[in-house]
Protein backbone atom coordinates (compact mmCIF):
# COMPACT_ATOMS: atom_id res chain seq x y z
CA UNK A 1 -38.48 84.78 -37.28
CA UNK A 2 -37.02 85.51 -40.75
CA UNK A 3 -33.23 86.03 -40.84
CA UNK A 4 -31.71 88.66 -41.93
CA UNK A 5 -29.75 87.92 -45.29
CA UNK A 6 -25.84 88.87 -45.06
CA UNK A 7 -26.14 91.48 -47.87
CA UNK A 8 -28.64 93.33 -45.86
CA UNK A 9 -26.54 93.18 -42.33
CA UNK A 10 -23.70 94.73 -44.86
CA UNK A 11 -25.71 97.30 -45.86
CA UNK A 12 -26.96 98.01 -42.57
CA UNK A 13 -23.26 97.92 -41.09
CA UNK A 14 -22.56 100.71 -44.36
CA UNK A 15 -25.11 102.72 -43.21
CA UNK A 16 -23.84 102.64 -39.39
CA UNK A 17 -20.29 103.85 -40.49
CA UNK A 18 -21.89 106.79 -42.19
CA UNK A 19 -23.75 107.73 -39.30
CA UNK A 20 -27.42 107.33 -41.35
CA UNK A 21 -30.07 108.18 -39.02
CA UNK A 22 -32.56 104.65 -38.49
CA UNK A 23 -35.42 106.02 -40.37
CA UNK A 24 -33.45 106.81 -43.37
CA UNK A 25 -32.21 103.70 -43.53
CA UNK A 26 -35.38 101.76 -43.45
CA UNK A 27 -36.89 104.56 -46.64
CA UNK A 28 -33.25 104.26 -48.38
CA UNK A 29 -33.34 100.32 -48.44
CA UNK A 30 -36.83 100.14 -49.70
CA UNK A 31 -36.69 102.80 -52.09
CA UNK A 32 -33.45 102.52 -53.80
CA UNK A 33 -33.03 98.43 -53.12
CA UNK A 34 -36.64 97.23 -53.08
CA UNK A 35 -35.79 95.72 -49.78
CA UNK A 36 -37.94 96.13 -46.93
CA UNK A 37 -36.80 96.18 -43.22
CA UNK A 38 -38.26 97.29 -40.16
CA UNK A 39 -36.93 100.34 -37.55
CA UNK A 40 -36.61 97.40 -35.32
CA UNK A 41 -34.31 95.43 -37.51
CA UNK A 42 -32.03 98.45 -38.41
CA UNK A 43 -32.17 99.19 -34.29
CA UNK A 44 -31.09 95.75 -33.37
CA UNK A 45 -28.08 95.39 -35.48
CA UNK A 46 -27.38 99.33 -34.69
CA UNK A 47 -26.98 97.92 -31.38
CA UNK A 48 -24.40 95.26 -32.13
CA UNK A 49 -22.52 97.11 -34.24
CA UNK A 50 -22.08 99.69 -30.73
CA UNK A 51 -21.12 96.79 -28.73
CA UNK A 52 -18.53 95.93 -31.53
CA UNK A 53 -20.45 92.00 -31.97
CA UNK A 54 -20.18 89.83 -34.76
CA UNK A 55 -22.73 89.79 -37.51
CA UNK A 56 -23.09 86.17 -37.48
CA UNK A 57 -25.12 84.19 -35.17
CA UNK A 58 -23.05 84.16 -31.30
CA UNK A 59 -22.19 80.92 -29.83
CA UNK A 60 -24.91 79.64 -28.23
CA UNK A 61 -25.04 77.58 -25.22
CA UNK A 62 -26.54 74.02 -24.71
CA UNK A 63 -25.75 70.48 -26.69
CA UNK A 64 -23.32 70.56 -29.62
CA UNK A 65 -25.03 69.86 -32.85
CA UNK A 66 -24.56 65.95 -33.70
CA UNK A 67 -24.45 66.24 -37.68
CA UNK A 68 -21.46 67.83 -39.57
CA UNK A 69 -21.90 70.60 -42.52
CA UNK A 70 -20.99 67.01 -44.49
CA UNK A 71 -24.36 65.42 -43.08
CA UNK A 72 -26.45 68.45 -44.15
CA UNK A 73 -24.95 68.40 -47.65
CA UNK A 74 -25.41 65.15 -48.29
CA UNK A 75 -29.12 65.20 -46.84
CA UNK A 76 -29.93 68.51 -49.41
CA UNK A 77 -28.19 65.98 -52.08
CA UNK A 78 -30.45 63.32 -51.68
CA UNK A 79 -33.35 65.40 -51.20
CA UNK A 80 -32.59 66.95 -54.52
CA UNK A 81 -32.53 63.56 -55.88
CA UNK A 82 -35.70 62.10 -54.96
CA UNK A 83 -38.25 64.64 -53.12
CA UNK A 84 -40.21 61.89 -51.55
CA UNK A 85 -37.54 60.43 -49.76
CA UNK A 86 -38.80 59.82 -45.84
CA UNK A 87 -36.85 60.97 -42.87
CA UNK A 88 -36.70 57.15 -42.26
CA UNK A 89 -35.41 56.82 -45.89
CA UNK A 90 -32.88 59.35 -44.82
CA UNK A 91 -32.00 58.21 -41.93
CA UNK A 92 -30.64 54.50 -43.48
CA UNK A 93 -28.75 55.85 -45.85
CA UNK A 94 -27.18 58.50 -43.66
CA UNK A 95 -26.14 55.32 -41.50
CA UNK A 96 -24.60 53.59 -44.14
CA UNK A 97 -23.00 56.08 -45.18
CA UNK A 98 -21.87 57.22 -41.85
CA UNK A 99 -18.41 57.78 -42.69
CA UNK A 100 -18.81 61.19 -44.14
């Protein structure tokens, strides 16, 4: 499933607040901005807006993530520096730098 960018979500919210019909939104986004969205996507967001749900993801049940944002940033930085780094190598680097 492809994630809808924050920009598109904001554009859909603007259309929703202006009471623009779903088919017109799909047409306008493609014609004016070259953004291809489906009627189903627009409909899904319109439904969320009607329910006053936030734009981002809703909280999820289950075990919370064990990695912090700093860990993901660290992994991204190391992979940019060395794209041949293995998962074992990354795990060793994370263990060495556990005080992130």
